[in-house]
């Protein structure tokens, strides 16, 4: 089992790197997408991601129950894109912080139990200024805690900066 976390800022090349990491494994890959198209701009982003990944990769769209979905994957490799939107989805659904953190633990346990390769994509949102409102601060903090748990459970952690991958110790 190999668990890989790929993090970085917006438009840093995270998804492309994660997809290459999975493709280079030589294993059949299933893609788990957490995004929801609430507007036209997001629908366009989702469509671009769909065009960019290999056409023969099955895609599972699951905005909330990612641990259950991941556990059911038929392929030995998986890309989950992304934890950031998943945490946002859970918050929008009214989940309290402890429930989100428990769900993250369940996701990591599912990834470890399934064997094979699992690549988790997430955003690093803690490099900027302190957000001005409580909801944004809660999101930043909650995603930071989820990312810490994912990194601690992983075999590899990669930080993407301007399209350049840096492997973290």
C-alpha atoms as a PDB file:
ATOM      1  CA  UNK A   1       0.000   0.000   0.000  1.00  0.00           C
ATOM      2  CA  UNK A   2       1.228   3.451  -0.885  1.00  0.00           C
ATOM      3  CA  UNK A   3      -0.588   6.567   0.260  1.00  0.00           C
ATOM      4  CA  UNK A   4       0.501   9.783  -1.446  1.00  0.00           C
ATOM      5  CA  UNK A   5      -0.583  13.325  -0.572  1.00  0.00           C
ATOM      6  CA  UNK A   6      -0.188  16.072  -3.178  1.00  0.00           C
ATOM      7  CA  UNK A   7      -0.696  19.600  -1.912  1.00  0.00           C
ATOM      8  CA  UNK A   8      -0.088  23.145  -3.093  1.00  0.00           C
ATOM      9  CA  UNK A   9      -1.830  26.348  -3.971  1.00  0.00           C
ATOM     10  CA  UNK A  10      -4.421  27.034  -6.638  1.00  0.00           C
ATOM     11  CA  UNK A  11      -3.182  26.311 -10.155  1.00  0.00           C
ATOM     12  CA  UNK A  12       0.072  24.869  -8.842  1.00  0.00           C
ATOM     13  CA  UNK A  13      -0.182  21.683 -10.923  1.00  0.00           C
ATOM     14  CA  UNK A  14      -1.434  19.383  -8.144  1.00  0.00           C
ATOM     15  CA  UNK A  15      -3.964  17.436 -10.188  1.00  0.00           C
ATOM     16  CA  UNK A  16      -1.664  16.915 -13.155  1.00  0.00           C
ATOM     17  CA  UNK A  17       1.118  15.716 -10.862  1.00  0.00           C
ATOM     18  CA  UNK A  18      -1.238  13.363  -8.994  1.00  0.00           C
ATOM     19  CA  UNK A  19      -2.511  11.923 -12.263  1.00  0.00           C
ATOM     20  CA  UNK A  20       1.050  11.394 -13.544  1.00  0.00           C
ATOM     21  CA  UNK A  21       1.996   9.718 -10.244  1.00  0.00           C
ATOM     22  CA  UNK A  22      -0.906   7.294 -10.628  1.00  0.00           C
ATOM     23  CA  UNK A  23      -0.292   6.723 -14.342  1.00  0.00           C
ATOM     24  CA  UNK A  24       3.407   6.039 -13.752  1.00  0.00           C
ATOM     25  CA  UNK A  25       2.483   3.258 -11.315  1.00  0.00           C
ATOM     26  CA  UNK A  26       1.330   1.165 -14.281  1.00  0.00           C
ATOM     27  CA  UNK A  27      -1.748   0.148 -12.309  1.00  0.00           C
ATOM     28  CA  UNK A  28      -5.365   0.559 -13.448  1.00  0.00           C
ATOM     29  CA  UNK A  29      -6.700   3.796 -11.935  1.00  0.00           C
ATOM     30  CA  UNK A  30     -10.110   4.986 -10.762  1.00  0.00           C
ATOM     31  CA  UNK A  31     -10.683   8.698 -10.227  1.00  0.00           C
ATOM     32  CA  UNK A  32     -12.749   9.934  -7.274  1.00  0.00           C
ATOM     33  CA  UNK A  33     -14.049  13.463  -7.854  1.00  0.00           C
ATOM     34  CA  UNK A  34     -15.501  15.504  -4.997  1.00  0.00           C
ATOM     35  CA  UNK A  35     -16.351  18.705  -6.885  1.00  0.00           C
ATOM     36  CA  UNK A  36     -19.906  19.895  -7.316  1.00  0.00           C
ATOM     37  CA  UNK A  37     -20.913  22.256 -10.115  1.00  0.00           C
ATOM     38  CA  UNK A  38     -22.866  24.968  -8.321  1.00  0.00           C
ATOM     39  CA  UNK A  39     -22.289  27.471 -11.138  1.00  0.00           C
ATOM     40  CA  UNK A  40     -21.097  27.675 -14.748  1.00  0.00           C
ATOM     41  CA  UNK A  41     -17.514  28.523 -13.838  1.00  0.00           C
ATOM     42  CA  UNK A  42     -17.214  25.425 -11.653  1.00  0.00           C
ATOM     43  CA  UNK A  43     -18.851  23.296 -14.342  1.00  0.00           C
ATOM     44  CA  UNK A  44     -16.172  24.522 -16.768  1.00  0.00           C
ATOM     45  CA  UNK A  45     -13.410  23.661 -14.268  1.00  0.00           C
ATOM     46  CA  UNK A  46     -14.830  20.161 -13.831  1.00  0.00           C
ATOM     47  CA  UNK A  47     -15.083  19.683 -17.607  1.00  0.00           C
ATOM     48  CA  UNK A  48     -11.441  20.749 -18.043  1.00  0.00           C
ATOM     49  CA  UNK A  49     -10.306  18.250 -15.399  1.00  0.00           C
ATOM     50  CA  UNK A  50     -12.338  15.524 -17.122  1.00  0.00           C
ATOM     51  CA  UNK A  51     -10.689  16.311 -20.473  1.00  0.00           C
ATOM     52  CA  UNK A  52      -7.207  16.353 -18.959  1.00  0.00           C
ATOM     53  CA  UNK A  53      -7.238  12.901 -17.380  1.00  0.00           C
ATOM     54  CA  UNK A  54      -6.985   9.600 -19.283  1.00  0.00           C
ATOM     55  CA  UNK A  55     -10.278   8.664 -20.915  1.00  0.00           C
ATOM     56  CA  UNK A  56     -10.012   5.028 -19.813  1.00  0.00           C
ATOM     57  CA  UNK A  57     -10.023   5.908 -16.112  1.00  0.00           C
ATOM     58  CA  UNK A  58     -13.426   5.262 -14.553  1.00  0.00           C
ATOM     59  CA  UNK A  59     -14.669   8.255 -12.572  1.00  0.00           C
ATOM     60  CA  UNK A  60     -16.741   8.140  -9.413  1.00  0.00           C
ATOM     61  CA  UNK A  61     -18.336  11.422  -8.357  1.00  0.00           C
ATOM     62  CA  UNK A  62     -18.926  11.540  -4.612  1.00  0.00           C
ATOM     63  CA  UNK A  63     -19.048  14.843  -2.748  1.00  0.00           C
ATOM     64  CA  UNK A  64     -19.573  13.488   0.802  1.00  0.00           C
ATOM     65  CA  UNK A  65     -19.126   9.737   1.408  1.00  0.00           C
ATOM     66  CA  UNK A  66     -15.592   9.439   0.058  1.00  0.00           C
ATOM     67  CA  UNK A  67     -14.401   6.713   2.468  1.00  0.00           C
ATOM     68  CA  UNK A  68     -17.239   4.429   1.382  1.00  0.00           C
ATOM     69  CA  UNK A  69     -16.641   5.206  -2.290  1.00  0.00           C
ATOM     70  CA  UNK A  70     -12.891   4.660  -2.051  1.00  0.00           C
ATOM     71  CA  UNK A  71     -13.318   1.345  -0.242  1.00  0.00           C
ATOM     72  CA  UNK A  72     -15.470   0.092  -3.139  1.00  0.00           C
ATOM     73  CA  UNK A  73     -12.983   0.939  -5.911  1.00  0.00           C
ATOM     74  CA  UNK A  74     -12.303  -1.992  -8.222  1.00  0.00           C
ATOM     75  CA  UNK A  75      -8.849  -0.801  -9.321  1.00  0.00           C
ATOM     76  CA  UNK A  76      -5.573  -1.049  -7.392  1.00  0.00           C
ATOM     77  CA  UNK A  77      -4.833   2.668  -7.908  1.00  0.00           C
ATOM     78  CA  UNK A  78      -6.998   5.648  -7.042  1.00  0.00           C
ATOM     79  CA  UNK A  79      -6.784   9.414  -7.319  1.00  0.00           C
ATOM     80  CA  UNK A  80      -9.013  11.438  -4.997  1.00  0.00           C
ATOM     81  CA  UNK A  81      -9.332  15.040  -6.177  1.00  0.00           C
ATOM     82  CA  UNK A  82      -9.744  16.755  -3.842  1.00  0.00           C
ATOM     83  CA  UNK A  83      -9.798  16.845  -0.040  1.00  0.00           C
ATOM     84  CA  UNK A  84     -10.249  20.632  -0.123  1.00  0.00           C
ATOM     85  CA  UNK A  85     -13.594  20.508  -1.896  1.00  0.00           C
ATOM     86  CA  UNK A  86     -14.632  17.500   0.169  1.00  0.00           C
ATOM     87  CA  UNK A  87     -14.081  19.414   3.428  1.00  0.00           C
ATOM     88  CA  UNK A  88     -15.988  22.357   1.961  1.00  0.00           C
ATOM     89  CA  UNK A  89     -18.841  20.020   0.949  1.00  0.00           C
ATOM     90  CA  UNK A  90     -19.038  18.593   4.465  1.00  0.00           C
ATOM     91  CA  UNK A  91     -19.069  22.068   5.986  1.00  0.00           C
ATOM     92  CA  UNK A  92     -21.830  23.190   3.585  1.00  0.00           C
ATOM     93  CA  UNK A  93     -23.806  20.084   4.598  1.00  0.00           C
ATOM     94  CA  UNK A  94     -23.633  21.243   8.223  1.00  0.00           C
ATOM     95  CA  UNK A  95     -21.086  18.768   9.567  1.00  0.00           C
ATOM     96  CA  UNK A  96     -19.417  19.856  12.825  1.00  0.00           C
ATOM     97  CA  UNK A  97     -15.611  19.921  12.979  1.00  0.00           C
ATOM     98  CA  UNK A  98     -15.277  16.697  14.961  1.00  0.00           C
ATOM     99  CA  UNK A  99     -17.456  14.837  12.444  1.00  0.00           C
ATOM    100  CA  UNK A 100     -15.290  16.118   9.571  1.00  0.00           C
ATOM    101  CA  UNK A 101     -12.124  14.997  11.359  1.00  0.00           C
ATOM    102  CA  UNK A 102     -13.682  11.587  12.075  1.00  0.00           C
ATOM    103  CA  UNK A 103     -14.626  11.286   8.398  1.00  0.00           C
ATOM    104  CA  UNK A 104     -11.033  12.142   7.469  1.00  0.00           C
ATOM    105  CA  UNK A 105      -9.786   9.386   9.770  1.00  0.00           C
ATOM    106  CA  UNK A 106     -12.237   6.961   8.142  1.00  0.00           C
ATOM    107  CA  UNK A 107     -11.050   8.007   4.686  1.00  0.00           C
ATOM    108  CA  UNK A 108      -7.416   7.439   5.620  1.00  0.00           C
ATOM    109  CA  UNK A 109      -8.261   4.053   7.142  1.00  0.00           C
ATOM    110  CA  UNK A 110     -10.110   3.090   3.937  1.00  0.00           C
ATOM    111  CA  UNK A 111      -7.128   4.158   1.829  1.00  0.00           C
ATOM    112  CA  UNK A 112      -4.751   2.097   3.965  1.00  0.00           C
ATOM    113  CA  UNK A 113      -7.045  -0.939   4.008  1.00  0.00           C
ATOM    114  CA  UNK A 114      -7.545  -1.084   0.259  1.00  0.00           C
ATOM    115  CA  UNK A 115      -3.873  -1.595  -0.582  1.00  0.00           C
ATOM    116  CA  UNK A 116      -2.484  -0.516  -3.923  1.00  0.00           C
ATOM    117  CA  UNK A 117      -1.833   3.169  -4.552  1.00  0.00           C
ATOM    118  CA  UNK A 118      -4.019   6.025  -3.356  1.00  0.00           C
ATOM    119  CA  UNK A 119      -3.157   9.606  -4.303  1.00  0.00           C
ATOM    120  CA  UNK A 120      -4.937  12.349  -2.360  1.00  0.00           C
ATOM    121  CA  UNK A 121      -4.988  15.881  -3.763  1.00  0.00           C
ATOM    122  CA  UNK A 122      -5.517  18.833  -1.442  1.00  0.00           C
ATOM    123  CA  UNK A 123      -4.927  22.566  -1.264  1.00  0.00           C
ATOM    124  CA  UNK A 124      -2.555  24.311   1.068  1.00  0.00           C
ATOM    125  CA  UNK A 125      -4.635  27.249   2.264  1.00  0.00           C
ATOM    126  CA  UNK A 126      -2.580  28.280   5.274  1.00  0.00           C
ATOM    127  CA  UNK A 127       0.093  30.336   3.487  1.00  0.00           C
ATOM    128  CA  UNK A 128      -2.042  33.462   3.095  1.00  0.00           C
ATOM    129  CA  UNK A 129      -3.366  36.109   5.397  1.00  0.00           C
ATOM    130  CA  UNK A 130      -5.791  35.317   8.196  1.00  0.00           C
ATOM    131  CA  UNK A 131      -9.267  35.379   6.628  1.00  0.00           C
ATOM    132  CA  UNK A 132     -11.543  38.204   7.751  1.00  0.00           C
ATOM    133  CA  UNK A 133     -14.597  36.086   8.563  1.00  0.00           C
ATOM    134  CA  UNK A 134     -15.227  33.198  10.924  1.00  0.00           C
ATOM    135  CA  UNK A 135     -16.418  30.737   8.253  1.00  0.00           C
ATOM    136  CA  UNK A 136     -13.274  31.198   6.156  1.00  0.00           C
ATOM    137  CA  UNK A 137     -11.074  30.864   9.254  1.00  0.00           C
ATOM    138  CA  UNK A 138     -12.923  27.696  10.239  1.00  0.00           C
ATOM    139  CA  UNK A 139     -12.399  26.263   6.742  1.00  0.00           C
ATOM    140  CA  UNK A 140      -8.695  27.145   6.731  1.00  0.00           C
ATOM    141  CA  UNK A 141      -8.188  25.557  10.158  1.00  0.00           C
ATOM    142  CA  UNK A 142     -10.285  22.460   9.470  1.00  0.00           C
ATOM    143  CA  UNK A 143      -8.600  21.761   6.134  1.00  0.00           C
ATOM    144  CA  UNK A 144      -5.225  22.296   7.781  1.00  0.00           C
ATOM    145  CA  UNK A 145      -6.056  19.646  10.404  1.00  0.00           C
ATOM    146  CA  UNK A 146      -7.308  17.235   7.724  1.00  0.00           C
ATOM    147  CA  UNK A 147      -4.140  17.825   5.691  1.00  0.00           C
ATOM    148  CA  UNK A 148      -1.952  17.182   8.735  1.00  0.00           C
ATOM    149  CA  UNK A 149      -3.710  13.874   9.368  1.00  0.00           C
ATOM    150  CA  UNK A 150      -3.374  12.871   5.721  1.00  0.00           C
ATOM    151  CA  UNK A 151       0.314  13.758   5.618  1.00  0.00           C
ATOM    152  CA  UNK A 152       1.011  11.896   8.871  1.00  0.00           C
ATOM    153  CA  UNK A 153      -0.640   8.750   7.459  1.00  0.00           C
ATOM    154  CA  UNK A 154       1.060   8.943   4.071  1.00  0.00           C
ATOM    155  CA  UNK A 155       4.138   7.358   2.572  1.00  0.00           C
ATOM    156  CA  UNK A 156       4.866  10.361   0.332  1.00  0.00           C
ATOM    157  CA  UNK A 157       3.969  14.040   0.560  1.00  0.00           C
ATOM    158  CA  UNK A 158       4.515  16.375  -2.379  1.00  0.00           C
ATOM    159  CA  UNK A 159       4.211  20.165  -2.403  1.00  0.00           C
ATOM    160  CA  UNK A 160       3.611  21.722  -5.818  1.00  0.00           C
ATOM    161  CA  UNK A 161       4.851  25.267  -6.331  1.00  0.00           C
ATOM    162  CA  UNK A 162       4.438  26.856  -9.767  1.00  0.00           C
ATOM    163  CA  UNK A 163       4.227  23.435 -11.358  1.00  0.00           C
ATOM    164  CA  UNK A 164       7.382  22.185  -9.645  1.00  0.00           C
ATOM    165  CA  UNK A 165       7.111  19.247  -7.243  1.00  0.00           C
ATOM    166  CA  UNK A 166       8.990  19.251  -3.962  1.00  0.00           C
ATOM    167  CA  UNK A 167       9.014  16.013  -1.982  1.00  0.00           C
ATOM    168  CA  UNK A 168       8.579  16.713   1.710  1.00  0.00           C
ATOM    169  CA  UNK A 169      10.356  14.568   4.308  1.00  0.00           C
END
